[in-house]
Amino acid sequence: MIATLFSCTTNKKEAYFYENIKKWETVFINTNTTGIKGELKLAISQDDELIEAINYKILGLSSLLKEELGDSINKIIITDLVSKEEIINENLDIEHVPVFSTMVMNSDKLLTYTITKQYELSKEPPYTEYINLDIENLQQIEISAIIDTKKKKEFQKIISDYINTEKRKVVNNYLLKLAERVDHLQEAYTEVFDKTTYSLEKITCVTNNASFSHFDTEGIVFNVDVTDENFLENTEQNRIEKYTSFIQIPYELVTPYVNRESNLFSSINNLNKIKK
């Protein structure tokens, strides 16, 4: 019998206030009831209770958790899902069970909740998703919704100019992603990037508001679609290669374009002050 090691509110319609979040507590996924393992971070109230409104919202938005738990993720009782102590089903082949981990980046009303899934023996890189939430209204954040409508074209130009100036960062960020792989692709691509003839003039980078990935402590992260002609001369396939990297746009470049009427303006501005 598993003892309940923390309490939680039972009325999901209870009034929710983001200011009531005291901390994000790391708990273990109950492998015995879920068939998966790892850790989750859950919002804890000033009264040391689970805050169901935001915790259920995050669980329901996670495509990685839904892949493993199906639609039951929307119905599961949190105290059946997790425990303060690690509980593992000894009948499962643990080496082939997906392992989850989470991180939280929280600035006042703004939250980026990162979920990572990986298999311990797999050569594949981990799967990562970012859940960006306005935790005052419990709504997902769309970057286009917080940019001043009169400045959207300028904002897009700032992003494009920054990326074209920082192509080396775009390439280096892709190398970070490659380093997570252990396969032929990693070896073949790295060989091209390591050549002294590799030229940033031969790559084209494209991104837009739809490429928004997540908020980080030092900037807003966008995915970048790269067309790389360096592969024409350096691979047997003799073709232009396309891949997706990412870039972090510093907050000092972003805040001038954020709508000051947005309830998230102060949250983003606070991150800019922290960076400085």
C-alpha atoms as a PDB file:
ATOM      1  CA  MET A   1       0.000   0.000   0.000  1.00  0.00           C
ATOM      2  CA  ILE A   2       1.352   3.396  -1.038  1.00  0.00           C
ATOM      3  CA  ALA A   3       1.016   6.154   1.507  1.00  0.00           C
ATOM      4  CA  THR A   4      -0.009   9.593   0.241  1.00  0.00           C
ATOM      5  CA  LEU A   5       3.023  11.741   0.911  1.00  0.00           C
ATOM      6  CA  PHE A   6       1.470  15.084   0.040  1.00  0.00           C
ATOM      7  CA  SER A   7      -1.992  16.525   0.015  1.00  0.00           C
ATOM      8  CA  CYS A   8      -3.856  18.058  -2.885  1.00  0.00           C
ATOM      9  CA  THR A   9      -6.996  20.040  -3.391  1.00  0.00           C
ATOM     10  CA  THR A  10      -9.912  17.927  -4.556  1.00  0.00           C
ATOM     11  CA  ASN A  11     -12.124  20.604  -6.082  1.00  0.00           C
ATOM     12  CA  LYS A  12     -10.801  21.381  -9.577  1.00  0.00           C
ATOM     13  CA  LYS A  13     -13.133  24.389  -9.815  1.00  0.00           C
ATOM     14  CA  GLU A  14     -11.534  26.041  -6.803  1.00  0.00           C
ATOM     15  CA  ALA A  15     -10.371  29.615  -7.477  1.00  0.00           C
ATOM     16  CA  TYR A  16      -6.902  29.669  -9.004  1.00  0.00           C
ATOM     17  CA  PHE A  17      -4.389  32.464  -8.433  1.00  0.00           C
ATOM     18  CA  TYR A  18      -0.904  32.237  -9.926  1.00  0.00           C
ATOM     19  CA  GLU A  19       0.407  34.291  -6.975  1.00  0.00           C
ATOM     20  CA  ASN A  20      -0.383  31.292  -4.766  1.00  0.00           C
ATOM     21  CA  ILE A  21       2.460  29.253  -6.276  1.00  0.00           C
ATOM     22  CA  LYS A  22       5.051  28.780  -3.550  1.00  0.00           C
ATOM     23  CA  LYS A  23       7.477  26.477  -5.369  1.00  0.00           C
ATOM     24  CA  TRP A  24       7.914  23.791  -8.017  1.00  0.00           C
ATOM     25  CA  GLU A  25       8.554  20.474  -6.305  1.00  0.00           C
ATOM     26  CA  THR A  26      10.301  17.546  -7.988  1.00  0.00           C
ATOM     27  CA  VAL A  27       8.453  14.239  -7.556  1.00  0.00           C
ATOM     28  CA  PHE A  28       8.879  10.739  -8.994  1.00  0.00           C
ATOM     29  CA  ILE A  29       6.624   9.225 -11.641  1.00  0.00           C
ATOM     30  CA  ASN A  30       4.981   6.096 -10.259  1.00  0.00           C
ATOM     31  CA  THR A  31       6.247   3.413 -12.643  1.00  0.00           C
ATOM     32  CA  ASN A  32       3.943   0.860 -11.049  1.00  0.00           C
ATOM     33  CA  THR A  33       0.805   2.686 -12.208  1.00  0.00           C
ATOM     34  CA  THR A  34       2.076   4.324 -15.417  1.00  0.00           C
ATOM     35  CA  GLY A  35       4.671   2.064 -17.041  1.00  0.00           C
ATOM     36  CA  ILE A  36       7.068   5.015 -17.396  1.00  0.00           C
ATOM     37  CA  LYS A  37       9.720   6.418 -15.069  1.00  0.00           C
ATOM     38  CA  GLY A  38      11.471   9.672 -14.236  1.00  0.00           C
ATOM     39  CA  GLU A  39      10.584  12.930 -12.523  1.00  0.00           C
ATOM     40  CA  LEU A  40       8.074  15.746 -12.870  1.00  0.00           C
ATOM     41  CA  LYS A  41       7.963  19.193 -11.326  1.00  0.00           C
ATOM     42  CA  LEU A  42       4.593  20.159  -9.852  1.00  0.00           C
ATOM     43  CA  ALA A  43       3.291  23.499  -8.616  1.00  0.00           C
ATOM     44  CA  ILE A  44       2.885  23.652  -4.831  1.00  0.00           C
ATOM     45  CA  SER A  45       0.739  26.253  -3.070  1.00  0.00           C
ATOM     46  CA  GLN A  46       1.533  28.430  -0.065  1.00  0.00           C
ATOM     47  CA  ASP A  47      -0.375  25.812   1.957  1.00  0.00           C
ATOM     48  CA  ASP A  48       1.944  23.060   0.644  1.00  0.00           C
ATOM     49  CA  GLU A  49      -0.804  21.512  -1.476  1.00  0.00           C
ATOM     50  CA  LEU A  50      -0.722  20.551  -5.134  1.00  0.00           C
ATOM     51  CA  ILE A  51      -2.255  23.275  -7.307  1.00  0.00           C
ATOM     52  CA  GLU A  52      -4.451  21.172  -9.550  1.00  0.00           C
ATOM     53  CA  ALA A  53      -5.434  23.891 -12.037  1.00  0.00           C
ATOM     54  CA  ILE A  54      -1.925  24.488 -13.369  1.00  0.00           C
ATOM     55  CA  ASN A  55      -0.616  20.947 -12.889  1.00  0.00           C
ATOM     56  CA  TYR A  56      -3.519  19.426 -14.837  1.00  0.00           C
ATOM     57  CA  LYS A  57      -3.109  22.107 -17.519  1.00  0.00           C
ATOM     58  CA  ILE A  58       0.540  21.195 -18.072  1.00  0.00           C
ATOM     59  CA  LEU A  59      -0.108  17.446 -18.081  1.00  0.00           C
ATOM     60  CA  GLY A  60      -2.948  17.875 -20.565  1.00  0.00           C
ATOM     61  CA  LEU A  61      -0.768  19.907 -22.955  1.00  0.00           C
ATOM     62  CA  SER A  62       2.129  17.453 -22.991  1.00  0.00           C
ATOM     63  CA  SER A  63       2.227  15.480 -26.246  1.00  0.00           C
ATOM     64  CA  LEU A  64       5.134  13.375 -24.933  1.00  0.00           C
ATOM     65  CA  LEU A  65       3.184  12.217 -21.895  1.00  0.00           C
ATOM     66  CA  LYS A  66       0.106  11.638 -24.026  1.00  0.00           C
ATOM     67  CA  GLU A  67       2.140   9.379 -26.336  1.00  0.00           C
ATOM     68  CA  GLU A  68       2.803   7.091 -23.390  1.00  0.00           C
ATOM     69  CA  LEU A  69      -0.383   7.417 -21.337  1.00  0.00           C
ATOM     70  CA  GLY A  70      -2.965   8.139 -24.051  1.00  0.00           C
ATOM     71  CA  ASP A  71      -6.146  10.069 -23.305  1.00  0.00           C
ATOM     72  CA  SER A  72      -5.987   8.854 -19.708  1.00  0.00           C
ATOM     73  CA  ILE A  73      -3.528  11.719 -19.084  1.00  0.00           C
ATOM     74  CA  ASN A  74      -6.566  14.026 -19.011  1.00  0.00           C
ATOM     75  CA  LYS A  75      -8.329  11.882 -16.411  1.00  0.00           C
ATOM     76  CA  ILE A  76      -5.493  10.629 -14.240  1.00  0.00           C
ATOM     77  CA  ILE A  77      -5.399  11.557 -10.561  1.00  0.00           C
ATOM     78  CA  ILE A  78      -2.113  13.269  -9.848  1.00  0.00           C
ATOM     79  CA  THR A  79      -1.524  11.392  -6.601  1.00  0.00           C
ATOM     80  CA  ASP A  80      -1.773   8.135  -8.605  1.00  0.00           C
ATOM     81  CA  LEU A  81       0.703   9.465 -11.172  1.00  0.00           C
ATOM     82  CA  VAL A  82       3.500  10.552  -8.850  1.00  0.00           C
ATOM     83  CA  SER A  83       5.065   9.957  -5.444  1.00  0.00           C
ATOM     84  CA  LYS A  84       7.704  11.617  -3.310  1.00  0.00           C
ATOM     85  CA  GLU A  85       9.508   8.280  -3.282  1.00  0.00           C
ATOM     86  CA  GLU A  86      10.585   6.339  -6.371  1.00  0.00           C
ATOM     87  CA  ILE A  87       8.181   3.470  -7.037  1.00  0.00           C
ATOM     88  CA  ILE A  88       9.181   1.044  -9.815  1.00  0.00           C
ATOM     89  CA  ASN A  89       7.307  -1.952 -11.181  1.00  0.00           C
ATOM     90  CA  GLU A  90       9.861  -4.758 -10.960  1.00  0.00           C
ATOM     91  CA  ASN A  91       8.086  -6.691 -13.746  1.00  0.00           C
ATOM     92  CA  LEU A  92       8.929  -4.018 -16.334  1.00  0.00           C
ATOM     93  CA  ASP A  93      12.069  -4.087 -18.462  1.00  0.00           C
ATOM     94  CA  ILE A  94      13.351  -0.827 -17.023  1.00  0.00           C
ATOM     95  CA  GLU A  95      16.095  -0.466 -19.654  1.00  0.00           C
ATOM     96  CA  HIS A  96      13.425  -0.032 -22.344  1.00  0.00           C
ATOM     97  CA  VAL A  97      11.035   2.141 -20.351  1.00  0.00           C
ATOM     98  CA  PRO A  98      10.957   5.851 -21.338  1.00  0.00           C
ATOM     99  CA  VAL A  99      12.528   8.153 -18.768  1.00  0.00           C
ATOM    100  CA  PHE A 100      11.068  11.633 -18.262  1.00  0.00           C
ATOM    101  CA  SER A 101      12.649  14.734 -16.776  1.00  0.00           C
ATOM    102  CA  THR A 102      11.373  18.308 -16.473  1.00  0.00           C
ATOM    103  CA  MET A 103      12.640  21.864 -15.980  1.00  0.00           C
ATOM    104  CA  VAL A 104      10.813  25.070 -15.070  1.00  0.00           C
ATOM    105  CA  MET A 105      11.631  28.635 -16.123  1.00  0.00           C
ATOM    106  CA  ASN A 106       9.221  30.968 -14.342  1.00  0.00           C
ATOM    107  CA  SER A 107       9.090  34.770 -14.378  1.00  0.00           C
ATOM    108  CA  ASP A 108       6.011  36.106 -12.620  1.00  0.00           C
ATOM    109  CA  LYS A 109       3.116  35.301 -15.020  1.00  0.00           C
ATOM    110  CA  LEU A 110       5.294  33.603 -17.628  1.00  0.00           C
ATOM    111  CA  LEU A 111       6.205  29.931 -17.533  1.00  0.00           C
ATOM    112  CA  THR A 112       8.193  27.660 -19.834  1.00  0.00           C
ATOM    113  CA  TYR A 113       7.855  24.041 -18.754  1.00  0.00           C
ATOM    114  CA  THR A 114      10.362  21.727 -20.461  1.00  0.00           C
ATOM    115  CA  ILE A 115       9.682  18.001 -20.738  1.00  0.00           C
ATOM    116  CA  THR A 116      12.332  15.569 -21.975  1.00  0.00           C
ATOM    117  CA  LYS A 117      11.845  11.901 -22.827  1.00  0.00           C
ATOM    118  CA  GLN A 118      14.666   9.465 -23.545  1.00  0.00           C
ATOM    119  CA  TYR A 119      15.491   5.781 -23.479  1.00  0.00           C
ATOM    120  CA  GLU A 120      18.553   4.791 -21.482  1.00  0.00           C
ATOM    121  CA  LEU A 121      20.006   2.425 -24.114  1.00  0.00           C
ATOM    122  CA  SER A 122      18.886   4.286 -27.215  1.00  0.00           C
ATOM    123  CA  LYS A 123      21.289   5.969 -29.646  1.00  0.00           C
ATOM    124  CA  GLU A 124      18.568   8.437 -30.584  1.00  0.00           C
ATOM    125  CA  PRO A 125      18.696  11.953 -29.097  1.00  0.00           C
ATOM    126  CA  PRO A 126      16.183  12.784 -26.350  1.00  0.00           C
ATOM    127  CA  TYR A 127      12.759  14.104 -27.312  1.00  0.00           C
ATOM    128  CA  THR A 128      12.063  17.563 -25.898  1.00  0.00           C
ATOM    129  CA  GLU A 129       8.942  19.710 -25.812  1.00  0.00           C
ATOM    130  CA  TYR A 130       8.340  23.192 -24.420  1.00  0.00           C
ATOM    131  CA  ILE A 131       5.048  24.266 -22.902  1.00  0.00           C
ATOM    132  CA  ASN A 132       4.837  28.069 -22.780  1.00  0.00           C
ATOM    133  CA  LEU A 133       2.096  29.272 -20.465  1.00  0.00           C
ATOM    134  CA  ASP A 134       0.545  32.516 -19.346  1.00  0.00           C
ATOM    135  CA  ILE A 135      -0.026  31.214 -15.833  1.00  0.00           C
ATOM    136  CA  GLU A 136      -2.321  34.073 -14.885  1.00  0.00           C
ATOM    137  CA  ASN A 137      -4.901  33.035 -17.495  1.00  0.00           C
ATOM    138  CA  LEU A 138      -3.704  29.429 -17.944  1.00  0.00           C
ATOM    139  CA  GLN A 139      -3.329  29.905 -21.695  1.00  0.00           C
ATOM    140  CA  GLN A 140      -0.579  28.876 -24.057  1.00  0.00           C
ATOM    141  CA  ILE A 141       1.549  31.792 -25.238  1.00  0.00           C
ATOM    142  CA  GLU A 142       1.648  32.744 -28.906  1.00  0.00           C
ATOM    143  CA  ILE A 143       4.529  35.094 -29.622  1.00  0.00           C
ATOM    144  CA  SER A 144       2.476  37.030 -32.186  1.00  0.00           C
ATOM    145  CA  ALA A 145      -0.115  37.819 -29.516  1.00  0.00           C
ATOM    146  CA  ILE A 146       2.321  39.665 -27.260  1.00  0.00           C
ATOM    147  CA  ILE A 147       4.093  41.720 -29.952  1.00  0.00           C
ATOM    148  CA  ASP A 148       2.702  45.199 -30.617  1.00  0.00           C
ATOM    149  CA  THR A 149       0.622  44.916 -33.815  1.00  0.00           C
ATOM    150  CA  LYS A 150       2.152  48.141 -35.150  1.00  0.00           C
ATOM    151  CA  LYS A 151       5.666  46.769 -34.725  1.00  0.00           C
ATOM    152  CA  LYS A 152       5.332  43.199 -36.015  1.00  0.00           C
ATOM    153  CA  LYS A 153       7.135  43.852 -39.316  1.00  0.00           C
ATOM    154  CA  GLU A 154       9.965  45.592 -37.477  1.00  0.00           C
ATOM    155  CA  PHE A 155      10.162  42.721 -35.021  1.00  0.00           C
ATOM    156  CA  GLN A 156      10.422  40.166 -37.826  1.00  0.00           C
ATOM    157  CA  LYS A 157      13.198  42.215 -39.412  1.00  0.00           C
ATOM    158  CA  ILE A 158      15.086  42.391 -36.120  1.00  0.00           C
ATOM    159  CA  ILE A 159      14.934  38.594 -35.852  1.00  0.00           C
ATOM    160  CA  SER A 160      16.039  38.059 -39.454  1.00  0.00           C
ATOM    161  CA  ASP A 161      18.888  40.566 -39.159  1.00  0.00           C
ATOM    162  CA  TYR A 162      20.088  39.034 -35.909  1.00  0.00           C
ATOM    163  CA  ILE A 163      20.073  35.511 -37.358  1.00  0.00           C
ATOM    164  CA  ASN A 164      21.959  36.554 -40.486  1.00  0.00           C
ATOM    165  CA  THR A 165      24.531  38.331 -38.329  1.00  0.00           C
ATOM    166  CA  GLU A 166      24.860  35.330 -36.023  1.00  0.00           C
ATOM    167  CA  LYS A 167      24.980  32.471 -38.531  1.00  0.00           C
ATOM    168  CA  ARG A 168      27.896  30.976 -36.646  1.00  0.00           C
ATOM    169  CA  LYS A 169      25.687  30.653 -33.555  1.00  0.00           C
ATOM    170  CA  VAL A 170      23.005  28.946 -35.658  1.00  0.00           C
ATOM    171  CA  VAL A 171      25.539  26.404 -36.926  1.00  0.00           C
ATOM    172  CA  ASN A 172      27.048  25.872 -33.459  1.00  0.00           C
ATOM    173  CA  ASN A 173      23.593  25.307 -32.002  1.00  0.00           C
ATOM    174  CA  TYR A 174      22.941  22.642 -34.611  1.00  0.00           C
ATOM    175  CA  LEU A 175      26.242  21.009 -33.686  1.00  0.00           C
ATOM    176  CA  LEU A 176      24.962  20.853 -30.100  1.00  0.00           C
ATOM    177  CA  LYS A 177      21.917  18.976 -31.358  1.00  0.00           C
ATOM    178  CA  LEU A 178      24.103  16.672 -33.449  1.00  0.00           C
ATOM    179  CA  ALA A 179      26.260  15.869 -30.436  1.00  0.00           C
ATOM    180  CA  GLU A 180      23.234  14.214 -28.820  1.00  0.00           C
ATOM    181  CA  ARG A 181      23.143  11.633 -31.605  1.00  0.00           C
ATOM    182  CA  VAL A 182      25.270   8.493 -31.839  1.00  0.00           C
ATOM    183  CA  ASP A 183      24.796   7.339 -35.425  1.00  0.00           C
ATOM    184  CA  HIS A 184      26.019   7.668 -39.022  1.00  0.00           C
ATOM    185  CA  LEU A 185      24.256  11.001 -39.502  1.00  0.00           C
ATOM    186  CA  GLN A 186      26.234  12.543 -36.659  1.00  0.00           C
ATOM    187  CA  GLU A 187      29.535  11.380 -38.133  1.00  0.00           C
ATOM    188  CA  ALA A 188      28.739  12.411 -41.725  1.00  0.00           C
ATOM    189  CA  TYR A 189      27.458  15.874 -40.815  1.00  0.00           C
ATOM    190  CA  THR A 190      30.239  16.651 -38.343  1.00  0.00           C
ATOM    191  CA  GLU A 191      32.820  15.851 -41.021  1.00  0.00           C
ATOM    192  CA  VAL A 192      31.331  18.561 -43.262  1.00  0.00           C
ATOM    193  CA  PHE A 193      31.187  21.171 -40.509  1.00  0.00           C
ATOM    194  CA  ASP A 194      34.800  20.475 -39.510  1.00  0.00           C
ATOM    195  CA  LYS A 195      36.235  21.190 -42.960  1.00  0.00           C
ATOM    196  CA  THR A 196      38.273  24.386 -43.264  1.00  0.00           C
ATOM    197  CA  THR A 197      36.400  25.169 -46.483  1.00  0.00           C
ATOM    198  CA  TYR A 198      33.053  25.334 -44.671  1.00  0.00           C
ATOM    199  CA  SER A 199      31.513  28.744 -45.457  1.00  0.00           C
ATOM    200  CA  LEU A 200      28.732  30.637 -43.681  1.00  0.00           C
ATOM    201  CA  GLU A 201      28.108  32.408 -47.000  1.00  0.00           C
ATOM    202  CA  LYS A 202      26.695  29.166 -48.330  1.00  0.00           C
ATOM    203  CA  ILE A 203      23.881  28.857 -45.774  1.00  0.00           C
ATOM    204  CA  THR A 204      20.463  30.498 -45.771  1.00  0.00           C
ATOM    205  CA  CYS A 205      18.510  30.887 -42.533  1.00  0.00           C
ATOM    206  CA  VAL A 206      14.746  31.400 -42.296  1.00  0.00           C
ATOM    207  CA  THR A 207      12.506  31.913 -39.268  1.00  0.00           C
ATOM    208  CA  ASN A 208       9.245  33.671 -38.379  1.00  0.00           C
ATOM    209  CA  ASN A 209       6.730  33.997 -35.548  1.00  0.00           C
ATOM    210  CA  ALA A 210       5.543  30.441 -36.155  1.00  0.00           C
ATOM    211  CA  SER A 211       9.100  29.284 -35.408  1.00  0.00           C
ATOM    212  CA  PHE A 212       8.809  30.413 -31.774  1.00  0.00           C
ATOM    213  CA  SER A 213      10.070  27.653 -29.505  1.00  0.00           C
ATOM    214  CA  HIS A 214      10.291  28.832 -25.896  1.00  0.00           C
ATOM    215  CA  PHE A 215      11.458  31.389 -23.356  1.00  0.00           C
ATOM    216  CA  ASP A 216      14.884  31.000 -21.792  1.00  0.00           C
ATOM    217  CA  THR A 217      16.541  32.945 -18.992  1.00  0.00           C
ATOM    218  CA  GLU A 218      18.565  35.030 -21.461  1.00  0.00           C
ATOM    219  CA  GLY A 219      16.253  35.352 -24.459  1.00  0.00           C
ATOM    220  CA  ILE A 220      13.450  34.025 -26.643  1.00  0.00           C
ATOM    221  CA  VAL A 221      14.353  30.900 -28.614  1.00  0.00           C
ATOM    222  CA  PHE A 222      13.255  30.438 -32.222  1.00  0.00           C
ATOM    223  CA  ASN A 223      13.716  27.419 -34.474  1.00  0.00           C
ATOM    224  CA  VAL A 224      15.684  28.210 -37.624  1.00  0.00           C
ATOM    225  CA  ASP A 225      15.290  26.394 -40.952  1.00  0.00           C
ATOM    226  CA  VAL A 226      18.704  26.173 -42.598  1.00  0.00           C
ATOM    227  CA  THR A 227      19.513  25.489 -46.248  1.00  0.00           C
ATOM    228  CA  ASP A 228      23.180  24.515 -46.432  1.00  0.00           C
ATOM    229  CA  GLU A 229      25.019  24.384 -49.757  1.00  0.00           C
ATOM    230  CA  ASN A 230      28.302  23.304 -48.145  1.00  0.00           C
ATOM    231  CA  PHE A 231      27.058  19.728 -48.447  1.00  0.00           C
ATOM    232  CA  LEU A 232      27.119  19.944 -52.243  1.00  0.00           C
ATOM    233  CA  GLU A 233      30.889  19.581 -52.325  1.00  0.00           C
ATOM    234  CA  ASN A 234      31.447  17.457 -49.251  1.00  0.00           C
ATOM    235  CA  THR A 235      29.069  14.508 -49.393  1.00  0.00           C
ATOM    236  CA  GLU A 236      28.564  11.521 -51.631  1.00  0.00           C
ATOM    237  CA  GLN A 237      24.931  12.520 -52.093  1.00  0.00           C
ATOM    238  CA  ASN A 238      26.086  15.787 -53.718  1.00  0.00           C
ATOM    239  CA  ARG A 239      22.998  17.686 -52.590  1.00  0.00           C
ATOM    240  CA  ILE A 240      21.907  20.780 -50.733  1.00  0.00           C
ATOM    241  CA  GLU A 241      21.136  19.794 -47.147  1.00  0.00           C
ATOM    242  CA  LYS A 242      18.286  21.179 -45.041  1.00  0.00           C
ATOM    243  CA  TYR A 243      18.102  20.975 -41.267  1.00  0.00           C
ATOM    244  CA  THR A 244      16.571  22.776 -38.285  1.00  0.00           C
ATOM    245  CA  SER A 245      18.675  24.623 -35.744  1.00  0.00           C
ATOM    246  CA  PHE A 246      17.746  27.303 -33.210  1.00  0.00           C
ATOM    247  CA  ILE A 247      18.746  30.783 -32.092  1.00  0.00           C
ATOM    248  CA  GLN A 248      18.249  32.722 -28.869  1.00  0.00           C
ATOM    249  CA  ILE A 249      17.206  36.360 -29.369  1.00  0.00           C
ATOM    250  CA  PRO A 250      18.372  38.476 -26.387  1.00  0.00           C
ATOM    251  CA  TYR A 251      15.589  40.130 -24.372  1.00  0.00           C
ATOM    252  CA  GLU A 252      17.048  43.597 -24.906  1.00  0.00           C
ATOM    253  CA  LEU A 253      16.225  43.200 -28.606  1.00  0.00           C
ATOM    254  CA  VAL A 254      12.743  41.838 -27.901  1.00  0.00           C
ATOM    255  CA  THR A 255      11.265  44.082 -25.199  1.00  0.00           C
ATOM    256  CA  PRO A 256      10.957  47.236 -27.363  1.00  0.00           C
ATOM    257  CA  TYR A 257       8.464  45.344 -29.533  1.00  0.00           C
ATOM    258  CA  VAL A 258       6.350  43.759 -26.783  1.00  0.00           C
ATOM    259  CA  ASN A 259       2.888  45.258 -26.363  1.00  0.00           C
ATOM    260  CA  ARG A 260       2.989  47.252 -23.134  1.00  0.00           C
ATOM    261  CA  GLU A 261      -0.691  46.443 -22.606  1.00  0.00           C
ATOM    262  CA  SER A 262       0.065  42.722 -22.526  1.00  0.00           C
ATOM    263  CA  ASN A 263      -0.225  41.139 -19.089  1.00  0.00           C
ATOM    264  CA  LEU A 264       3.140  39.466 -19.829  1.00  0.00           C
ATOM    265  CA  PHE A 265       5.063  42.690 -20.523  1.00  0.00           C
ATOM    266  CA  SER A 266       6.382  43.008 -16.959  1.00  0.00           C
ATOM    267  CA  SER A 267       7.322  39.303 -16.870  1.00  0.00           C
ATOM    268  CA  ILE A 268       9.425  39.642 -20.035  1.00  0.00           C
ATOM    269  CA  ASN A 269      10.864  42.965 -18.919  1.00  0.00           C
ATOM    270  CA  ASN A 270      11.916  41.364 -15.632  1.00  0.00           C
ATOM    271  CA  LEU A 271      13.881  38.738 -17.569  1.00  0.00           C
ATOM    272  CA  ASN A 272      15.584  41.541 -19.489  1.00  0.00           C
ATOM    273  CA  LYS A 273      16.587  43.214 -16.207  1.00  0.00           C
ATOM    274  CA  ILE A 274      17.926  39.914 -14.833  1.00  0.00           C
ATOM    275  CA  LYS A 275      20.021  39.465 -17.985  1.00  0.00           C
ATOM    276  CA  LYS A 276      21.529  42.929 -17.537  1.00  0.00           C
END
